[in-house]
Amino acid sequence: MPTVHRAHGLRFVIFTDDHRPAHVHVVSGGGEAKIALGVGGEPPKLVWVKGLGNADVRRAMAEIAGSQGMLRAAWVRIHGDFD
């Protein structure tokens, strides 16, 4: 489970055995959220959240929106392609 990014006390993880569509898991404390990376200029989308507060979810969404290029590149590095 490679941590590909850290910000605001959050870990952004891409699992090596995960599935498409491209997404990241955001982990903090005992909580986690799954957020799909935007495709073709689309913004990231919250898929589900368990145990993360609203403020952490907002921070995660903002961080992903500003770091999508790097996160897409990490997905490609781990999974071979983006689609």
PDB file of N, CA and C in Angstrom:
ATOM      1  N   MET A   1       0.847  -1.168   0.000  1.00  0.00           N
ATOM      2  CA  MET A   1       0.000   0.000   0.000  1.00  0.00           C
ATOM      3  C   MET A   1       0.891   1.228   0.000  1.00  0.00           C
ATOM      4  N   PRO A   2       1.338   1.648  -1.154  1.00  0.00           N
ATOM      5  CA  PRO A   2       2.243   2.795  -1.236  1.00  0.00           C
ATOM      6  C   PRO A   2       1.547   4.114  -0.902  1.00  0.00           C
ATOM      7  N   THR A   3       2.120   4.825   0.051  1.00  0.00           N
ATOM      8  CA  THR A   3       1.695   6.195   0.305  1.00  0.00           C
ATOM      9  C   THR A   3       2.361   7.046  -0.765  1.00  0.00           C
ATOM     10  N   VAL A   4       1.563   7.710  -1.581  1.00  0.00           N
ATOM     11  CA  VAL A   4       2.107   8.477  -2.698  1.00  0.00           C
ATOM     12  C   VAL A   4       2.170   9.973  -2.398  1.00  0.00           C
ATOM     13  N   HIS A   5       1.523  10.392  -1.297  1.00  0.00           N
ATOM     14  CA  HIS A   5       1.499  11.817  -0.976  1.00  0.00           C
ATOM     15  C   HIS A   5       1.056  11.966   0.479  1.00  0.00           C
ATOM     16  N   ARG A   6       1.535  13.014   1.121  1.00  0.00           N
ATOM     17  CA  ARG A   6       1.109  13.375   2.480  1.00  0.00           C
ATOM     18  C   ARG A   6       0.872  14.883   2.525  1.00  0.00           C
ATOM     19  N   ALA A   7      -0.221  15.275   3.151  1.00  0.00           N
ATOM     20  CA  ALA A   7      -0.513  16.700   3.328  1.00  0.00           C
ATOM     21  C   ALA A   7      -1.586  16.852   4.393  1.00  0.00           C
ATOM     22  N   HIS A   8      -1.476  17.886   5.207  1.00  0.00           N
ATOM     23  CA  HIS A   8      -2.508  18.238   6.197  1.00  0.00           C
ATOM     24  C   HIS A   8      -2.795  17.088   7.155  1.00  0.00           C
ATOM     25  N   GLY A   9      -1.803  16.263   7.454  1.00  0.00           N
ATOM     26  CA  GLY A   9      -2.015  15.128   8.338  1.00  0.00           C
ATOM     27  C   GLY A   9      -2.731  13.960   7.683  1.00  0.00           C
ATOM     28  N   LEU A  10      -2.864  14.010   6.374  1.00  0.00           N
ATOM     29  CA  LEU A  10      -3.545  12.954   5.617  1.00  0.00           C
ATOM     30  C   LEU A  10      -2.533  12.169   4.787  1.00  0.00           C
ATOM     31  N   ARG A  11      -2.757  10.864   4.655  1.00  0.00           N
ATOM     32  CA  ARG A  11      -1.949  10.031   3.750  1.00  0.00           C
ATOM     33  C   ARG A  11      -2.797   9.698   2.531  1.00  0.00           C
ATOM     34  N   PHE A  12      -2.207   9.833   1.357  1.00  0.00           N
ATOM     35  CA  PHE A  12      -2.876   9.530   0.095  1.00  0.00           C
ATOM     36  C   PHE A  12      -2.243   8.248  -0.439  1.00  0.00           C
ATOM     37  N   VAL A  13      -3.050   7.201  -0.554  1.00  0.00           N
ATOM     38  CA  VAL A  13      -2.556   5.855  -0.820  1.00  0.00           C
ATOM     39  C   VAL A  13      -3.171   5.322  -2.109  1.00  0.00           C
ATOM     40  N   ILE A  14      -2.341   4.631  -2.899  1.00  0.00           N
ATOM     41  CA  ILE A  14      -2.823   3.877  -4.061  1.00  0.00           C
ATOM     42  C   ILE A  14      -2.399   2.429  -3.835  1.00  0.00           C
ATOM     43  N   PHE A  15      -3.370   1.543  -3.714  1.00  0.00           N
ATOM     44  CA  PHE A  15      -3.078   0.132  -3.484  1.00  0.00           C
ATOM     45  C   PHE A  15      -2.559  -0.517  -4.770  1.00  0.00           C
ATOM     46  N   THR A  16      -1.555  -1.370  -4.633  1.00  0.00           N
ATOM     47  CA  THR A  16      -0.951  -2.009  -5.811  1.00  0.00           C
ATOM     48  C   THR A  16      -1.889  -3.017  -6.455  1.00  0.00           C
ATOM     49  N   ASP A  17      -2.800  -3.596  -5.706  1.00  0.00           N
ATOM     50  CA  ASP A  17      -3.709  -4.603  -6.268  1.00  0.00           C
ATOM     51  C   ASP A  17      -5.120  -4.056  -6.443  1.00  0.00           C
ATOM     52  N   ASP A  18      -5.243  -2.734  -6.582  1.00  0.00           N
ATOM     53  CA  ASP A  18      -6.561  -2.096  -6.673  1.00  0.00           C
ATOM     54  C   ASP A  18      -7.074  -2.116  -8.112  1.00  0.00           C
ATOM     55  N   HIS A  19      -8.248  -1.626  -8.308  1.00  0.00           N
ATOM     56  CA  HIS A  19      -8.972  -1.695  -9.573  1.00  0.00           C
ATOM     57  C   HIS A  19      -9.227  -0.296 -10.127  1.00  0.00           C
ATOM     58  N   ARG A  20      -9.645  -0.239 -11.346  1.00  0.00           N
ATOM     59  CA  ARG A  20     -10.032   1.008 -11.972  1.00  0.00           C
ATOM     60  C   ARG A  20     -11.497   1.293 -11.663  1.00  0.00           C
ATOM     61  N   PRO A  21     -11.962   2.490 -11.771  1.00  0.00           N
ATOM     62  CA  PRO A  21     -11.281   3.691 -12.255  1.00  0.00           C
ATOM     63  C   PRO A  21     -10.237   4.196 -11.260  1.00  0.00           C
ATOM     64  N   ALA A  22      -9.333   5.016 -11.771  1.00  0.00           N
ATOM     65  CA  ALA A  22      -8.228   5.527 -10.965  1.00  0.00           C
ATOM     66  C   ALA A  22      -8.763   6.301  -9.763  1.00  0.00           C
ATOM     67  N   HIS A  23      -8.199   5.996  -8.596  1.00  0.00           N
ATOM     68  CA  HIS A  23      -8.637   6.645  -7.366  1.00  0.00           C
ATOM     69  C   HIS A  23      -7.536   6.553  -6.326  1.00  0.00           C
ATOM     70  N   VAL A  24      -7.713   7.314  -5.254  1.00  0.00           N
ATOM     71  CA  VAL A  24      -6.814   7.247  -4.112  1.00  0.00           C
ATOM     72  C   VAL A  24      -7.645   7.009  -2.862  1.00  0.00           C
ATOM     73  N   HIS A  25      -6.996   6.411  -1.876  1.00  0.00           N
ATOM     74  CA  HIS A  25      -7.570   6.263  -0.549  1.00  0.00           C
ATOM     75  C   HIS A  25      -6.873   7.296   0.326  1.00  0.00           C
ATOM     76  N   VAL A  26      -7.654   8.036   1.064  1.00  0.00           N
ATOM     77  CA  VAL A  26      -7.124   9.047   1.964  1.00  0.00           C
ATOM     78  C   VAL A  26      -7.332   8.529   3.386  1.00  0.00           C
ATOM     79  N   VAL A  27      -6.238   8.451   4.135  1.00  0.00           N
ATOM     80  CA  VAL A  27      -6.267   7.830   5.457  1.00  0.00           C
ATOM     81  C   VAL A  27      -5.792   8.839   6.501  1.00  0.00           C
ATOM     82  N   SER A  28      -6.515   8.888   7.616  1.00  0.00           N
ATOM     83  CA  SER A  28      -6.115   9.718   8.744  1.00  0.00           C
ATOM     84  C   SER A  28      -6.720   9.126  10.003  1.00  0.00           C
ATOM     85  N   GLY A  29      -5.887   8.856  10.997  1.00  0.00           N
ATOM     86  CA  GLY A  29      -6.400   8.259  12.223  1.00  0.00           C
ATOM     87  C   GLY A  29      -7.095   6.951  11.904  1.00  0.00           C
ATOM     88  N   GLY A  30      -8.310   6.807  12.358  1.00  0.00           N
ATOM     89  CA  GLY A  30      -9.085   5.604  12.080  1.00  0.00           C
ATOM     90  C   GLY A  30     -10.025   5.762  10.910  1.00  0.00           C
ATOM     91  N   GLY A  31      -9.920   6.854  10.162  1.00  0.00           N
ATOM     92  CA  GLY A  31     -10.843   7.106   9.070  1.00  0.00           C
ATOM     93  C   GLY A  31     -10.214   6.944   7.709  1.00  0.00           C
ATOM     94  N   GLU A  32     -11.069   6.809   6.723  1.00  0.00           N
ATOM     95  CA  GLU A  32     -10.603   6.636   5.337  1.00  0.00           C
ATOM     96  C   GLU A  32     -11.676   7.138   4.380  1.00  0.00           C
ATOM     97  N   ALA A  33     -11.229   7.623   3.230  1.00  0.00           N
ATOM     98  CA  ALA A  33     -12.131   7.995   2.149  1.00  0.00           C
ATOM     99  C   ALA A  33     -11.549   7.485   0.841  1.00  0.00           C
ATOM    100  N   LYS A  34     -12.411   7.147  -0.083  1.00  0.00           N
ATOM    101  CA  LYS A  34     -12.001   6.765  -1.436  1.00  0.00           C
ATOM    102  C   LYS A  34     -12.454   7.889  -2.353  1.00  0.00           C
ATOM    103  N   ILE A  35     -11.500   8.430  -3.117  1.00  0.00           N
ATOM    104  CA  ILE A  35     -11.789   9.571  -3.983  1.00  0.00           C
ATOM    105  C   ILE A  35     -11.293   9.254  -5.381  1.00  0.00           C
ATOM    106  N   ALA A  36     -12.204   9.315  -6.353  1.00  0.00           N
ATOM    107  CA  ALA A  36     -11.862   9.052  -7.750  1.00  0.00           C
ATOM    108  C   ALA A  36     -11.134  10.258  -8.327  1.00  0.00           C
ATOM    109  N   LEU A  37     -10.069   9.982  -9.064  1.00  0.00           N
ATOM    110  CA  LEU A  37      -9.331  11.049  -9.749  1.00  0.00           C
ATOM    111  C   LEU A  37     -10.119  11.479 -10.974  1.00  0.00           C
ATOM    112  N   GLY A  38     -10.168  12.775 -11.214  1.00  0.00           N
ATOM    113  CA  GLY A  38     -10.891  13.282 -12.368  1.00  0.00           C
ATOM    114  C   GLY A  38     -10.231  12.875 -13.670  1.00  0.00           C
ATOM    115  N   VAL A  39     -11.053  12.664 -14.675  1.00  0.00           N
ATOM    116  CA  VAL A  39     -10.578  12.291 -16.003  1.00  0.00           C
ATOM    117  C   VAL A  39     -10.902  13.440 -16.956  1.00  0.00           C
ATOM    118  N   GLY A  40      -9.945  13.805 -17.794  1.00  0.00           N
ATOM    119  CA  GLY A  40     -10.201  14.823 -18.819  1.00  0.00           C
ATOM    120  C   GLY A  40     -10.664  16.156 -18.267  1.00  0.00           C
ATOM    121  N   GLY A  41     -10.046  16.620 -17.210  1.00  0.00           N
ATOM    122  CA  GLY A  41     -10.403  17.919 -16.657  1.00  0.00           C
ATOM    123  C   GLY A  41     -11.535  17.881 -15.643  1.00  0.00           C
ATOM    124  N   GLU A  42     -12.123  16.705 -15.408  1.00  0.00           N
ATOM    125  CA  GLU A  42     -13.170  16.599 -14.394  1.00  0.00           C
ATOM    126  C   GLU A  42     -12.555  16.738 -12.999  1.00  0.00           C
ATOM    127  N   PRO A  43     -13.318  17.266 -12.057  1.00  0.00           N
ATOM    128  CA  PRO A  43     -12.805  17.348 -10.686  1.00  0.00           C
ATOM    129  C   PRO A  43     -12.836  15.971 -10.029  1.00  0.00           C
ATOM    130  N   PRO A  44     -12.087  15.792  -8.942  1.00  0.00           N
ATOM    131  CA  PRO A  44     -12.162  14.526  -8.209  1.00  0.00           C
ATOM    132  C   PRO A  44     -13.569  14.341  -7.638  1.00  0.00           C
ATOM    133  N   LYS A  45     -13.937  13.067  -7.382  1.00  0.00           N
ATOM    134  CA  LYS A  45     -15.267  12.770  -6.854  1.00  0.00           C
ATOM    135  C   LYS A  45     -15.153  11.863  -5.637  1.00  0.00           C
ATOM    136  N   LEU A  46     -15.846  12.232  -4.591  1.00  0.00           N
ATOM    137  CA  LEU A  46     -15.888  11.415  -3.389  1.00  0.00           C
ATOM    138  C   LEU A  46     -16.708  10.162  -3.682  1.00  0.00           C
ATOM    139  N   VAL A  47     -16.118   8.987  -3.466  1.00  0.00           N
ATOM    140  CA  VAL A  47     -16.812   7.723  -3.686  1.00  0.00           C
ATOM    141  C   VAL A  47     -17.462   7.255  -2.388  1.00  0.00           C
ATOM    142  N   TRP A  48     -16.694   7.212  -1.305  1.00  0.00           N
ATOM    143  CA  TRP A  48     -17.234   6.889   0.015  1.00  0.00           C
ATOM    144  C   TRP A  48     -16.298   7.417   1.090  1.00  0.00           C
ATOM    145  N   VAL A  49     -16.841   7.502   2.291  1.00  0.00           N
ATOM    146  CA  VAL A  49     -16.055   7.963   3.435  1.00  0.00           C
ATOM    147  C   VAL A  49     -16.500   7.194   4.672  1.00  0.00           C
ATOM    148  N   LYS A  50     -15.530   6.789   5.490  1.00  0.00           N
ATOM    149  CA  LYS A  50     -15.811   6.089   6.744  1.00  0.00           C
ATOM    150  C   LYS A  50     -14.899   6.676   7.827  1.00  0.00           C
ATOM    151  N   GLY A  51     -15.483   7.358   8.769  1.00  0.00           N
ATOM    152  CA  GLY A  51     -14.733   7.804   9.932  1.00  0.00           C
ATOM    153  C   GLY A  51     -13.890   9.052   9.768  1.00  0.00           C
ATOM    154  N   LEU A  52     -13.928   9.705   8.619  1.00  0.00           N
ATOM    155  CA  LEU A  52     -13.226  10.989   8.442  1.00  0.00           C
ATOM    156  C   LEU A  52     -14.242  12.110   8.635  1.00  0.00           C
ATOM    157  N   GLY A  53     -13.822  13.156   9.332  1.00  0.00           N
ATOM    158  CA  GLY A  53     -14.700  14.303   9.513  1.00  0.00           C
ATOM    159  C   GLY A  53     -14.825  15.132   8.246  1.00  0.00           C
ATOM    160  N   ASN A  54     -15.832  15.979   8.221  1.00  0.00           N
ATOM    161  CA  ASN A  54     -16.079  16.825   7.051  1.00  0.00           C
ATOM    162  C   ASN A  54     -14.886  17.704   6.708  1.00  0.00           C
ATOM    163  N   ALA A  55     -14.209  18.244   7.723  1.00  0.00           N
ATOM    164  CA  ALA A  55     -13.057  19.117   7.463  1.00  0.00           C
ATOM    165  C   ALA A  55     -11.933  18.335   6.781  1.00  0.00           C
ATOM    166  N   ASP A  56     -11.681  17.104   7.220  1.00  0.00           N
ATOM    167  CA  ASP A  56     -10.656  16.282   6.572  1.00  0.00           C
ATOM    168  C   ASP A  56     -11.040  15.943   5.143  1.00  0.00           C
ATOM    169  N   VAL A  57     -12.306  15.668   4.914  1.00  0.00           N
ATOM    170  CA  VAL A  57     -12.764  15.365   3.552  1.00  0.00           C
ATOM    171  C   VAL A  57     -12.575  16.586   2.660  1.00  0.00           C
ATOM    172  N   ARG A  58     -12.928  17.763   3.151  1.00  0.00           N
ATOM    173  CA  ARG A  58     -12.739  18.991   2.359  1.00  0.00           C
ATOM    174  C   ARG A  58     -11.266  19.215   2.053  1.00  0.00           C
ATOM    175  N   ARG A  59     -10.400  19.030   3.050  1.00  0.00           N
ATOM    176  CA  ARG A  59      -8.957  19.193   2.825  1.00  0.00           C
ATOM    177  C   ARG A  59      -8.455  18.174   1.799  1.00  0.00           C
ATOM    178  N   ALA A  60      -8.909  16.943   1.906  1.00  0.00           N
ATOM    179  CA  ALA A  60      -8.488  15.902   0.965  1.00  0.00           C
ATOM    180  C   ALA A  60      -8.930  16.231  -0.451  1.00  0.00           C
ATOM    181  N   MET A  61     -10.175  16.652  -0.611  1.00  0.00           N
ATOM    182  CA  MET A  61     -10.684  16.994  -1.946  1.00  0.00           C
ATOM    183  C   MET A  61      -9.898  18.156  -2.546  1.00  0.00           C
ATOM    184  N   ALA A  62      -9.616  19.173  -1.747  1.00  0.00           N
ATOM    185  CA  ALA A  62      -8.856  20.324  -2.239  1.00  0.00           C
ATOM    186  C   ALA A  62      -7.436  19.918  -2.604  1.00  0.00           C
ATOM    187  N   GLU A  63      -6.812  19.081  -1.781  1.00  0.00           N
ATOM    188  CA  GLU A  63      -5.442  18.636  -2.052  1.00  0.00           C
ATOM    189  C   GLU A  63      -5.391  17.800  -3.331  1.00  0.00           C
ATOM    190  N   ILE A  64      -6.358  16.921  -3.520  1.00  0.00           N
ATOM    191  CA  ILE A  64      -6.391  16.095  -4.733  1.00  0.00           C
ATOM    192  C   ILE A  64      -6.635  16.967  -5.954  1.00  0.00           C
ATOM    193  N   ALA A  65      -7.532  17.929  -5.853  1.00  0.00           N
ATOM    194  CA  ALA A  65      -7.799  18.820  -6.991  1.00  0.00           C
ATOM    195  C   ALA A  65      -6.523  19.545  -7.416  1.00  0.00           C
ATOM    196  N   GLY A  66      -5.698  19.943  -6.458  1.00  0.00           N
ATOM    197  CA  GLY A  66      -4.470  20.655  -6.777  1.00  0.00           C
ATOM    198  C   GLY A  66      -3.297  19.759  -7.129  1.00  0.00           C
ATOM    199  N   SER A  67      -3.440  18.458  -6.911  1.00  0.00           N
ATOM    200  CA  SER A  67      -2.328  17.522  -7.132  1.00  0.00           C
ATOM    201  C   SER A  67      -2.690  16.399  -8.095  1.00  0.00           C
ATOM    202  N   GLN A  68      -3.727  16.597  -8.901  1.00  0.00           N
ATOM    203  CA  GLN A  68      -4.187  15.500  -9.758  1.00  0.00           C
ATOM    204  C   GLN A  68      -3.123  15.009 -10.733  1.00  0.00           C
ATOM    205  N   GLY A  69      -2.326  15.909 -11.269  1.00  0.00           N
ATOM    206  CA  GLY A  69      -1.278  15.491 -12.203  1.00  0.00           C
ATOM    207  C   GLY A  69      -0.311  14.519 -11.559  1.00  0.00           C
ATOM    208  N   MET A  70       0.144  14.845 -10.365  1.00  0.00           N
ATOM    209  CA  MET A  70       1.070  13.972  -9.645  1.00  0.00           C
ATOM    210  C   MET A  70       0.395  12.665  -9.261  1.00  0.00           C
ATOM    211  N   LEU A  71      -0.859  12.723  -8.828  1.00  0.00           N
ATOM    212  CA  LEU A  71      -1.564  11.507  -8.423  1.00  0.00           C
ATOM    213  C   LEU A  71      -1.872  10.615  -9.619  1.00  0.00           C
ATOM    214  N   ARG A  72      -2.219  11.213 -10.751  1.00  0.00           N
ATOM    215  CA  ARG A  72      -2.407  10.415 -11.981  1.00  0.00           C
ATOM    216  C   ARG A  72      -1.111   9.720 -12.371  1.00  0.00           C
ATOM    217  N   ALA A  73       0.003  10.445 -12.299  1.00  0.00           N
ATOM    218  CA  ALA A  73       1.308   9.861 -12.630  1.00  0.00           C
ATOM    219  C   ALA A  73       1.634   8.713 -11.681  1.00  0.00           C
ATOM    220  N   ALA A  74       1.293   8.845 -10.411  1.00  0.00           N
ATOM    221  CA  ALA A  74       1.527   7.763  -9.445  1.00  0.00           C
ATOM    222  C   ALA A  74       0.671   6.553  -9.794  1.00  0.00           C
ATOM    223  N   TRP A  75      -0.591   6.787 -10.191  1.00  0.00           N
ATOM    224  CA  TRP A  75      -1.465   5.677 -10.597  1.00  0.00           C
ATOM    225  C   TRP A  75      -0.846   4.938 -11.792  1.00  0.00           C
ATOM    226  N   VAL A  76      -0.377   5.688 -12.781  1.00  0.00           N
ATOM    227  CA  VAL A  76       0.235   5.080 -13.968  1.00  0.00           C
ATOM    228  C   VAL A  76       1.492   4.311 -13.582  1.00  0.00           C
ATOM    229  N   ARG A  77       2.306   4.864 -12.716  1.00  0.00           N
ATOM    230  CA  ARG A  77       3.527   4.190 -12.270  1.00  0.00           C
ATOM    231  C   ARG A  77       3.198   2.849 -11.601  1.00  0.00           C
ATOM    232  N   ILE A  78       2.115   2.811 -10.834  1.00  0.00           N
ATOM    233  CA  ILE A  78       1.751   1.608 -10.093  1.00  0.00           C
ATOM    234  C   ILE A  78       0.952   0.627 -10.952  1.00  0.00           C
ATOM    235  N   HIS A  79       0.063   1.131 -11.797  1.00  0.00           N
ATOM    236  CA  HIS A  79      -0.863   0.272 -12.536  1.00  0.00           C
ATOM    237  C   HIS A  79      -0.614   0.184 -14.040  1.00  0.00           C
ATOM    238  N   GLY A  80       0.273   0.997 -14.565  1.00  0.00           N
ATOM    239  CA  GLY A  80       0.627   0.882 -15.975  1.00  0.00           C
ATOM    240  C   GLY A  80      -0.140   1.771 -16.923  1.00  0.00           C
ATOM    241  N   ASP A  81      -1.358   2.165 -16.578  1.00  0.00           N
ATOM    242  CA  ASP A  81      -2.108   3.106 -17.395  1.00  0.00           C
ATOM    243  C   ASP A  81      -3.171   3.763 -16.531  1.00  0.00           C
ATOM    244  N   PHE A  82      -3.827   4.773 -17.074  1.00  0.00           N
ATOM    245  CA  PHE A  82      -4.768   5.559 -16.291  1.00  0.00           C
ATOM    246  C   PHE A  82      -6.202   5.118 -16.495  1.00  0.00           C
ATOM    247  N   ASP A  83      -6.527   4.657 -17.685  1.00  0.00           N
ATOM    248  CA  ASP A  83      -7.933   4.307 -17.992  1.00  0.00           C
ATOM    249  C   ASP A  83      -8.345   2.994 -17.414  1.00  0.00           C
TER     250      ASP A  83
END
